[in-house]
């Protein structure tokens, strides 16, 4: 064999040992580096609870069913049984007499700003709107959440709220990511963060972005300008997704990161749910068309005072509407609201939700649902009941937030987020008597030791203290 042949044979042997490409071939592409999609993970740990049985209560299961003389069993953080008086009490369980009382799943508020606009509502604590550009999808609501906000404990004790979605405000067309929280005391927002809940993207249309940016140069000033601006952002997001999808398939040189586009890529991939502030029916239809154009799904329209006009469209699209019972007329786009909005949406087979958007309203969502229920009955809508209306407060918001597999109903295996009411929860005179989150009693009206107080409320600096 010639010297040339020996060299070629040696090189081939080296390639076999090292896994290199054939001589003259392209070098192997570098393996892709995956983006950490959860850099601020939940650190929530459920509080300890005891095996509990509630007997002889009227139970709304959250799926639309009412059980008279009902029994609910929960322990180890989850619902273990639900039914009538025939259910046996497990050994060692604490038994509670629910005679004359009602049991429901915990209330879920899909639209809250607690922690981002906390109480006290002063300018230094106002952290819900990053109103520096019409598109700020890179900001995350959780990075403004103040866990000491007394609004959290008020929502728990007065409203039976066990879970809430905190959203950025509606100044921007793209306002940033939402976060879903368990309504428990914690030192950090991560300690409240609902494990496994998908992020939301807050979008807005209509008067708010017009008002905020309409007087600023080179910013959208009209509704048509808002749509054009948003479409331009989605075009960039599609290109960004294509680039990163290709890189993650084939490796090579990593593209440049863009935090705003990371969020929108997550929406286009179906991992982040669009929560869209929108009042008018025609604008909701425009937003639906835009979602079709760019290939994303709208989970819910928020406020949505004209949903009754397009309830059939919303049902066909599988889009929820988060609504007030009777707020209207505080700006032009809210003027054509009707009191029957919630029951009309429900009657069309669409997903109806009662929401707050207010630190006081979140304490009375059960009363908001009661008003909507009464308006629907007066309007002659068939088959409405209190048990059906409770789906507007727990099951449907859980669906729109992507957590229905974990909470929202009293099905066995789901989180034991449970409220015992001292009377019919659709009465103005009823209040939560006890509230459990993941089976841990977080509030007991009859026990001062189970009335949570935030650090902020424990004491204020006196005169002469360092400010």
Protein backbone atom coordinates (compact mmCIF):
# COMPACT_ATOMS: atom_id res chain seq x y z
CA UNK A 1 0.00 0.00 0.00
CA UNK A 2 1.27 3.47 -0.84
CA UNK A 3 1.91 6.13 1.78
CA UNK A 4 -1.12 8.03 0.45
CA UNK A 5 -3.33 5.00 0.98
CA UNK A 6 -2.03 4.46 4.50
CA UNK A 7 -2.84 8.09 5.42
CA UNK A 8 -6.40 7.78 4.08
CA UNK A 9 -6.92 4.52 5.97
CA UNK A 10 -5.67 6.12 9.20
CA UNK A 11 -7.97 9.11 8.80
CA UNK A 12 -10.94 6.82 8.19
CA UNK A 13 -10.13 4.91 11.38
CA UNK A 14 -9.95 8.15 13.35
CA UNK A 15 -13.35 9.18 11.97
CA UNK A 16 -14.88 5.86 13.03
CA UNK A 17 -13.56 6.34 16.56
CA UNK A 18 -14.52 10.00 16.93
CA UNK A 19 -17.81 10.04 15.01
CA UNK A 20 -16.68 12.77 12.60
CA UNK A 21 -18.34 13.35 9.24
CA UNK A 22 -17.00 11.84 6.03
CA UNK A 23 -13.91 13.54 4.65
CA UNK A 24 -14.98 16.52 2.66
CA UNK A 25 -18.52 16.53 4.21
CA UNK A 26 -20.21 19.31 6.21
CA UNK A 27 -19.38 19.57 9.94
CA UNK A 28 -22.10 18.32 12.28
CA UNK A 29 -24.41 21.12 13.47
CA UNK A 30 -24.16 22.06 17.13
CA UNK A 31 -26.95 20.63 19.28
CA UNK A 32 -29.67 23.22 20.01
CA UNK A 33 -29.79 24.95 23.38
CA UNK A 34 -33.32 24.86 24.74
CA UNK A 35 -34.89 28.02 26.16
CA UNK A 36 -35.95 27.68 29.79
CA UNK A 37 -39.68 28.33 29.51
CA UNK A 38 -40.16 28.36 33.30
CA UNK A 39 -37.37 30.52 34.77
CA UNK A 40 -39.59 31.63 37.69
CA UNK A 41 -41.15 28.31 38.73
CA UNK A 42 -43.83 27.87 41.35
CA UNK A 43 -42.51 27.20 44.84
CA UNK A 44 -46.01 26.69 46.22
CA UNK A 45 -46.33 24.05 48.92
CA UNK A 46 -49.80 23.28 50.18
CA UNK A 47 -50.53 23.97 53.82
CA UNK A 48 -51.23 20.93 56.04
CA UNK A 49 -54.80 19.73 56.32
CA UNK A 50 -56.77 16.94 57.93
CA UNK A 51 -59.13 14.34 56.49
CA UNK A 52 -62.53 16.08 56.53
CA UNK A 53 -66.14 15.10 55.92
CA UNK A 54 -68.94 17.66 55.53
CA UNK A 55 -72.42 16.14 55.93
CA UNK A 56 -76.04 17.22 55.44
CA UNK A 57 -75.17 20.29 53.35
CA UNK A 58 -76.61 21.44 50.05
CA UNK A 59 -73.79 20.88 47.56
CA UNK A 60 -73.17 22.59 44.20
CA UNK A 61 -70.57 20.39 42.51
CA UNK A 62 -69.42 23.06 40.02
CA UNK A 63 -70.58 21.00 37.03
CA UNK A 64 -74.19 22.18 37.33
CA UNK A 65 -75.48 19.53 39.71
CA UNK A 66 -77.09 20.15 43.11
CA UNK A 67 -76.99 17.49 45.83
CA UNK A 68 -79.43 17.87 48.71
CA UNK A 69 -78.34 16.34 52.04
CA UNK A 70 -74.94 16.05 50.39
CA UNK A 71 -71.62 14.74 51.64
CA UNK A 72 -68.15 15.90 50.61
CA UNK A 73 -64.98 14.09 51.69
CA UNK A 74 -61.49 15.50 51.19
CA UNK A 75 -57.99 14.77 52.44
CA UNK A 76 -54.37 14.66 51.28
CA UNK A 77 -55.09 17.82 49.32
CA UNK A 78 -57.80 16.39 47.05
CA UNK A 79 -61.50 15.65 46.94
CA UNK A 80 -61.99 11.98 47.81
CA UNK A 81 -65.74 11.62 47.57
CA UNK A 82 -68.95 13.50 46.84
CA UNK A 83 -72.50 12.19 47.07
CA UNK A 84 -75.43 11.71 49.41
CA UNK A 85 -75.71 10.67 53.06
CA UNK A 86 -74.82 7.08 52.17
CA UNK A 87 -71.11 7.90 51.85
CA UNK A 88 -69.21 6.41 54.80
CA UNK A 89 -66.91 8.49 56.97
CA UNK A 90 -63.30 7.32 56.64
CA UNK A 91 -61.51 6.32 59.82
CA UNK A 92 -59.95 9.25 61.64
CA UNK A 93 -61.81 11.90 59.67
CA UNK A 94 -63.04 15.17 61.15
CA UNK A 95 -66.78 15.45 60.56
CA UNK A 96 -68.59 18.79 60.11
CA UNK A 97 -72.36 19.17 60.28
CA UNK A 98 -73.46 21.21 57.27
CA UNK A 99 -77.18 21.28 58.06
CA UNK A 100 -78.67 24.47 56.63
CA UNK A 101 -75.38 25.32 54.94
CA UNK A 102 -74.00 25.07 51.41
CA UNK A 103 -70.78 23.62 49.98
CA UNK A 104 -69.26 24.80 46.68
CA UNK A 105 -65.97 24.68 44.84
CA UNK A 106 -63.83 27.71 45.61
CA UNK A 107 -64.57 30.82 43.58
CA UNK A 108 -62.09 31.46 40.74
CA UNK A 109 -61.65 35.03 39.52
CA UNK A 110 -60.29 35.02 35.97
CA UNK A 111 -59.73 38.79 35.93
CA UNK A 112 -58.00 40.36 38.89
CA UNK A 113 -55.27 42.93 39.44
CA UNK A 114 -54.66 42.18 43.11
CA UNK A 115 -51.00 42.51 43.98
CA UNK A 116 -50.31 44.63 40.88
CA UNK A 117 -52.84 47.30 41.92
CA UNK A 118 -52.92 46.52 45.64
CA UNK A 119 -54.64 48.14 48.58
CA UNK A 120 -53.61 50.77 49.56
CA UNK A 121 -54.04 52.03 46.01
CA UNK A 122 -51.31 54.66 45.87
CA UNK A 123 -49.16 55.69 42.93
CA UNK A 124 -46.03 54.00 44.26
CA UNK A 125 -47.87 50.66 44.29
CA UNK A 126 -49.47 51.03 40.84
CA UNK A 127 -47.64 48.41 38.78
CA UNK A 128 -50.19 46.96 36.37
CA UNK A 129 -49.58 48.88 33.12
CA UNK A 130 -46.20 49.14 31.40
CA UNK A 131 -47.57 51.96 29.25
CA UNK A 132 -44.39 52.67 27.31
CA UNK A 133 -45.33 50.98 24.02
CA UNK A 134 -48.51 49.51 22.55
CA UNK A 135 -46.82 46.08 22.54
CA UNK A 136 -45.12 44.92 25.74
CA UNK A 137 -45.59 41.12 25.74
CA UNK A 138 -42.22 40.73 27.46
CA UNK A 139 -43.51 41.96 30.86
CA UNK A 140 -44.92 39.47 33.37
CA UNK A 141 -47.62 40.41 35.88
CA UNK A 142 -46.04 38.19 38.55
CA UNK A 143 -43.02 40.49 38.71
CA UNK A 144 -45.29 43.23 40.07
CA UNK A 145 -47.31 41.08 42.49
CA UNK A 146 -47.03 42.27 46.10
CA UNK A 147 -47.92 39.24 48.22
CA UNK A 148 -48.75 41.43 51.23
CA UNK A 149 -51.72 43.02 49.46
CA UNK A 150 -54.62 42.88 51.99
CA UNK A 151 -56.93 42.37 49.01
CA UNK A 152 -55.92 38.71 48.87
CA UNK A 153 -57.17 37.96 52.38
CA UNK A 154 -60.37 39.99 51.84
CA UNK A 155 -61.14 37.99 48.70
CA UNK A 156 -60.60 34.76 50.65
CA UNK A 157 -62.64 35.64 53.74
CA UNK A 158 -65.47 37.64 52.19
CA UNK A 159 -65.70 36.07 48.75
CA UNK A 160 -64.52 32.48 49.07
CA UNK A 161 -61.94 33.08 46.32
CA UNK A 162 -59.37 30.27 46.26
CA UNK A 163 -57.72 30.92 42.87
CA UNK A 164 -57.26 34.05 40.79
CA UNK A 165 -55.59 35.16 37.59
CA UNK A 166 -53.64 38.39 37.95
CA UNK A 167 -53.46 40.25 34.66
CA UNK A 168 -51.55 43.30 33.46
CA UNK A 169 -53.75 46.32 32.77
CA UNK A 170 -55.37 47.21 29.46
CA UNK A 171 -53.36 50.23 28.34
CA UNK A 172 -51.54 48.21 25.69
CA UNK A 173 -52.55 46.12 22.70
CA UNK A 174 -50.20 43.49 24.11
CA UNK A 175 -50.02 44.00 27.86
CA UNK A 176 -47.84 41.08 28.97
CA UNK A 177 -48.20 37.74 30.69
CA UNK A 178 -50.73 36.92 33.37
CA UNK A 179 -50.11 34.63 36.33
CA UNK A 180 -52.49 32.27 38.15
CA UNK A 181 -52.21 32.29 41.94
CA UNK A 182 -53.46 30.13 44.78
CA UNK A 183 -54.98 32.54 47.31
CA UNK A 184 -52.68 31.63 50.20
CA UNK A 185 -50.30 33.68 52.33
CA UNK A 186 -46.75 33.52 51.00
CA UNK A 187 -43.57 35.57 51.13
CA UNK A 188 -43.15 35.66 47.35
CA UNK A 189 -45.35 35.56 44.28
CA UNK A 190 -43.71 32.26 43.38
CA UNK A 191 -44.95 30.87 46.70
CA UNK A 192 -48.53 31.63 45.55
CA UNK A 193 -48.07 30.52 41.95
CA UNK A 194 -50.50 27.79 40.87
CA UNK A 195 -48.37 24.75 39.96
CA UNK A 196 -48.69 23.79 36.32
CA UNK A 197 -51.08 26.60 35.33
CA UNK A 198 -50.37 27.94 31.84
CA UNK A 199 -49.49 31.58 31.38
CA UNK A 200 -51.94 33.96 29.76
CA UNK A 201 -51.25 36.82 27.37
CA UNK A 202 -53.24 39.96 28.10
CA UNK A 203 -54.38 41.68 24.92
CA UNK A 204 -56.66 44.70 24.60
CA UNK A 205 -58.64 46.45 21.92
CA UNK A 206 -60.83 49.51 21.74
CA UNK A 207 -60.85 52.67 23.79
CA UNK A 208 -58.09 52.02 26.30
CA UNK A 209 -55.16 51.67 23.86
CA UNK A 210 -56.63 54.54 21.79
CA UNK A 211 -56.78 56.79 24.84
CA UNK A 212 -53.29 55.95 26.10
CA UNK A 213 -51.43 56.16 22.78
CA UNK A 214 -53.69 58.26 20.56
CA UNK A 215 -52.00 61.52 21.56
CA UNK A 216 -48.46 60.19 21.15
CA UNK A 217 -46.58 60.59 17.88
CA UNK A 218 -46.23 57.58 15.55
CA UNK A 219 -48.65 55.52 17.68
CA UNK A 220 -52.03 54.04 16.68
CA UNK A 221 -54.83 56.57 17.11
CA UNK A 222 -57.78 54.62 15.71
CA UNK A 223 -59.27 51.16 15.92
CA UNK A 224 -58.02 50.40 12.42
CA UNK A 225 -54.58 51.58 13.52
CA UNK A 226 -54.71 49.25 16.52
CA UNK A 227 -55.51 46.24 14.34
CA UNK A 228 -52.80 47.12 11.83
CA UNK A 229 -50.23 47.51 14.62
CA UNK A 230 -51.19 44.19 16.19
CA UNK A 231 -51.01 42.38 12.84
CA UNK A 232 -47.52 43.74 12.30
CA UNK A 233 -46.44 42.37 15.68
CA UNK A 234 -47.90 38.95 14.88
CA UNK A 235 -46.04 38.86 11.53
CA UNK A 236 -42.78 39.37 13.42
CA UNK A 237 -43.80 36.70 15.93
CA UNK A 238 -44.45 34.16 13.17
CA UNK A 239 -41.03 34.81 11.66
CA UNK A 240 -39.40 34.49 15.08
CA UNK A 241 -41.19 31.18 15.70
CA UNK A 242 -40.12 29.77 12.33
CA UNK A 243 -36.50 30.70 13.04
CA UNK A 244 -36.48 29.14 16.51
CA UNK A 245 -38.45 26.05 15.47
CA UNK A 246 -35.88 25.40 12.72
CA UNK A 247 -33.00 25.89 15.16
CA UNK A 248 -34.53 23.53 17.71
CA UNK A 249 -35.04 20.88 15.00
CA UNK A 250 -31.68 21.15 13.28
CA UNK A 251 -29.30 22.88 15.68
CA UNK A 252 -26.61 25.21 14.38
CA UNK A 253 -26.12 28.81 15.39
CA UNK A 254 -28.60 29.93 18.04
CA UNK A 255 -30.84 32.84 16.95
CA UNK A 256 -30.90 36.00 19.03
CA UNK A 257 -33.37 35.92 21.94
CA UNK A 258 -36.24 38.40 22.14
CA UNK A 259 -38.30 38.28 25.35
CA UNK A 260 -41.37 39.82 23.72
CA UNK A 261 -41.27 37.33 20.86
CA UNK A 262 -40.71 34.45 23.31
CA UNK A 263 -44.14 35.18 24.77
CA UNK A 264 -45.83 35.45 21.37
CA UNK A 265 -44.11 32.29 20.17
CA UNK A 266 -45.62 30.56 23.20
CA UNK A 267 -49.06 31.80 22.14
CA UNK A 268 -48.59 30.57 18.57
CA UNK A 269 -47.49 27.18 19.94
CA UNK A 270 -50.66 26.95 22.07
CA UNK A 271 -48.78 27.06 25.37
CA UNK A 272 -49.89 30.55 26.45
CA UNK A 273 -53.60 31.43 26.52
CA UNK A 274 -54.88 34.72 25.11
CA UNK A 275 -57.02 36.69 27.57
CA UNK A 276 -58.46 39.52 25.49
CA UNK A 277 -59.93 42.74 26.95
CA UNK A 278 -62.70 43.66 24.49
CA UNK A 279 -66.14 45.25 24.91
CA UNK A 280 -67.85 45.58 21.53
CA UNK A 281 -69.19 42.68 19.47
CA UNK A 282 -67.69 43.97 16.21
CA UNK A 283 -64.25 44.26 17.79
CA UNK A 284 -64.45 40.77 19.24
CA UNK A 285 -65.25 39.52 15.73
CA UNK A 286 -62.21 41.40 14.40
CA UNK A 287 -60.00 39.82 17.04
CA UNK A 288 -61.34 36.37 16.17
CA UNK A 289 -60.50 36.96 12.50
CA UNK A 290 -57.00 38.07 13.47
CA UNK A 291 -56.54 34.92 15.55
CA UNK A 292 -57.49 32.86 12.47
CA UNK A 293 -55.07 34.82 10.31
CA UNK A 294 -52.10 34.14 12.56
CA UNK A 295 -53.04 30.77 13.99
CA UNK A 296 -53.63 31.31 17.69
CA UNK A 297 -56.61 30.68 19.97
CA UNK A 298 -58.44 33.21 22.14
CA UNK A 299 -59.31 31.63 25.49
CA UNK A 300 -61.64 34.38 26.72
CA UNK A 301 -62.88 37.87 26.03
CA UNK A 302 -62.91 39.97 29.19
CA UNK A 303 -65.59 42.54 30.09
CA UNK A 304 -67.29 41.57 26.81
CA UNK A 305 -70.44 43.58 27.46
CA UNK A 306 -71.74 42.90 23.95
CA UNK A 307 -71.11 39.14 23.95
CA UNK A 308 -74.87 38.57 23.79
CA UNK A 309 -74.83 39.94 20.22
CA UNK A 310 -72.42 37.25 18.98
CA UNK A 311 -73.07 34.46 21.49
CA UNK A 312 -73.52 31.92 18.68
CA UNK A 313 -70.14 32.88 17.20
CA UNK A 314 -68.46 32.57 20.59
CA UNK A 315 -70.05 29.14 21.11
CA UNK A 316 -68.84 27.97 17.69
CA UNK A 317 -65.31 29.25 18.36
CA UNK A 318 -65.17 27.81 21.88
CA UNK A 319 -64.32 31.21 23.38
CA UNK A 320 -65.38 32.10 26.91
CA UNK A 321 -66.74 35.50 27.96
CA UNK A 322 -65.77 36.93 31.35
CA UNK A 323 -68.44 39.49 32.26
CA UNK A 324 -69.94 41.71 34.93
CA UNK A 325 -73.56 41.30 35.94
CA UNK A 326 -74.61 44.91 35.35
CA UNK A 327 -71.71 47.34 34.95
CA UNK A 328 -72.31 49.61 31.96
CA UNK A 329 -72.20 53.15 30.61
CA UNK A 330 -68.90 54.32 32.12
CA UNK A 331 -67.46 54.80 28.61
CA UNK A 332 -68.91 54.58 25.10
CA UNK A 333 -67.84 51.01 24.38
CA UNK A 334 -69.62 49.85 27.55
CA UNK A 335 -72.87 51.67 26.74
CA UNK A 336 -74.72 48.85 24.98
CA UNK A 337 -74.50 46.39 27.88
CA UNK A 338 -77.60 44.56 29.09
CA UNK A 339 -78.27 42.82 32.41
CA UNK A 340 -79.07 39.55 30.64
CA UNK A 341 -75.63 39.32 29.00
CA UNK A 342 -74.31 36.45 31.15
CA UNK A 343 -77.42 34.23 30.95
CA UNK A 344 -77.87 34.95 27.22
CA UNK A 345 -74.30 33.81 26.54
CA UNK A 346 -74.90 30.70 28.64
CA UNK A 347 -78.19 30.00 26.87
CA UNK A 348 -76.44 30.06 23.47
CA UNK A 349 -74.19 27.21 24.60
CA UNK A 350 -71.16 29.44 25.05
CA UNK A 351 -68.90 29.60 28.10
CA UNK A 352 -70.10 32.29 30.54
CA UNK A 353 -67.93 33.58 33.41
CA UNK A 354 -68.51 36.12 36.18
CA UNK A 355 -65.38 38.20 36.83
CA UNK A 356 -64.42 41.15 38.99
CA UNK A 357 -61.65 43.47 37.67
CA UNK A 358 -62.09 45.16 41.02
CA UNK A 359 -60.71 44.72 44.57
CA UNK A 360 -64.19 45.09 46.06
CA UNK A 361 -66.05 43.15 43.40
CA UNK A 362 -63.81 40.13 43.93
CA UNK A 363 -65.28 39.88 47.44
CA UNK A 364 -68.83 39.60 46.07
CA UNK A 365 -68.66 37.49 42.94
CA UNK A 366 -71.34 35.19 44.36
CA UNK A 367 -73.69 38.18 44.51
CA UNK A 368 -72.79 39.17 40.94
CA UNK A 369 -73.73 35.66 39.81
CA UNK A 370 -76.98 35.91 41.78
CA UNK A 371 -77.95 39.09 39.93
CA UNK A 372 -77.20 37.52 36.54
CA UNK A 373 -79.17 34.41 37.49
CA UNK A 374 -82.19 36.47 38.51
CA UNK A 375 -82.03 38.49 35.28
CA UNK A 376 -81.90 35.29 33.23
CA UNK A 377 -84.89 33.79 35.02
CA UNK A 378 -86.88 37.00 34.52
CA UNK A 379 -85.98 36.87 30.82
CA UNK A 380 -87.51 33.39 30.59
CA UNK A 381 -84.32 31.43 29.93
CA UNK A 382 -85.12 27.77 30.62
CA UNK A 383 -83.31 25.37 32.92
CA UNK A 384 -81.40 28.00 34.87
CA UNK A 385 -80.63 27.13 38.47
CA UNK A 386 -78.27 28.08 41.26
CA UNK A 387 -76.20 24.98 40.56
CA UNK A 388 -75.88 25.99 36.89
CA UNK A 389 -74.96 29.56 37.87
CA UNK A 390 -72.12 28.27 40.03
CA UNK A 391 -70.40 27.02 36.86
CA UNK A 392 -69.94 30.71 36.00
CA UNK A 393 -67.85 31.08 39.18
CA UNK A 394 -65.64 27.99 39.20
CA UNK A 395 -65.82 25.52 36.34
CA UNK A 396 -65.86 27.96 33.42
CA UNK A 397 -63.07 30.24 34.65
CA UNK A 398 -60.97 27.15 35.33
CA UNK A 399 -61.59 26.05 31.74
CA UNK A 400 -60.55 29.40 30.28
CA UNK A 401 -57.42 29.46 32.47
CA UNK A 402 -56.34 25.95 31.50
CA UNK A 403 -56.67 24.47 35.01
CA UNK A 404 -59.99 22.60 34.81
CA UNK A 405 -58.15 19.29 35.10
CA UNK A 406 -56.94 20.39 38.54
CA UNK A 407 -59.69 22.51 40.11
CA UNK A 408 -63.05 24.23 39.46
CA UNK A 409 -65.32 21.32 40.41
CA UNK A 410 -65.67 18.92 43.34
CA UNK A 411 -64.80 15.84 41.30
CA UNK A 412 -62.75 13.18 43.14
CA UNK A 413 -59.04 13.62 42.54
CA UNK A 414 -59.21 17.37 42.01
CA UNK A 415 -57.71 19.92 44.39
CA UNK A 416 -59.81 20.26 47.53
CA UNK A 417 -60.59 23.96 47.01
CA UNK A 418 -63.81 24.04 49.01
CA UNK A 419 -66.07 26.69 50.60
CA UNK A 420 -68.63 26.06 53.34
CA UNK A 421 -71.17 28.90 53.25
CA UNK A 422 -73.29 29.77 56.29
CA UNK A 423 -76.37 29.97 54.04
CA UNK A 424 -77.38 30.04 50.38
CA UNK A 425 -74.38 31.66 48.61
CA UNK A 426 -76.75 33.45 46.23
CA UNK A 427 -78.15 35.43 49.16
CA UNK A 428 -76.75 38.84 50.10
CA UNK A 429 -76.78 37.70 53.71
CA UNK A 430 -74.54 34.63 53.29
CA UNK A 431 -70.81 34.57 53.80
CA UNK A 432 -68.07 31.95 53.76
CA UNK A 433 -67.92 30.15 57.09
CA UNK A 434 -64.83 28.10 56.24
CA UNK A 435 -62.52 28.01 53.23
CA UNK A 436 -60.11 25.21 52.35
CA UNK A 437 -57.38 25.38 49.70
CA UNK A 438 -55.86 22.04 48.74
CA UNK A 439 -57.66 20.60 51.75
CA UNK A 440 -56.01 23.01 54.21
CA UNK A 441 -58.33 25.27 56.18
CA UNK A 442 -57.26 28.81 55.32
CA UNK A 443 -60.21 30.61 56.94
CA UNK A 444 -62.68 29.88 59.72
CA UNK A 445 -65.13 32.62 60.66
CA UNK A 446 -65.56 31.03 64.10
CA UNK A 447 -61.84 30.79 64.90
CA UNK A 448 -59.66 33.93 65.09
CA UNK A 449 -56.58 31.75 64.56
CA UNK A 450 -57.82 30.98 61.05
CA UNK A 451 -58.28 34.55 59.83
CA UNK A 452 -55.18 35.40 57.78
CA UNK A 453 -53.62 38.83 58.14
CA UNK A 454 -50.92 40.14 55.81
CA UNK A 455 -47.59 41.41 57.11
CA UNK A 456 -48.53 44.88 55.89
CA UNK A 457 -51.49 44.94 58.28
CA UNK A 458 -49.56 43.82 61.34
CA UNK A 459 -48.04 47.22 62.02
CA UNK A 460 -46.96 50.52 60.51
CA UNK A 461 -43.82 52.54 61.28
CA UNK A 462 -44.36 55.19 63.94
CA UNK A 463 -43.09 58.76 64.04
CA UNK A 464 -39.32 58.99 64.05
CA UNK A 465 -38.84 55.62 62.34
CA UNK A 466 -36.65 55.50 59.26
CA UNK A 467 -38.75 56.10 56.16
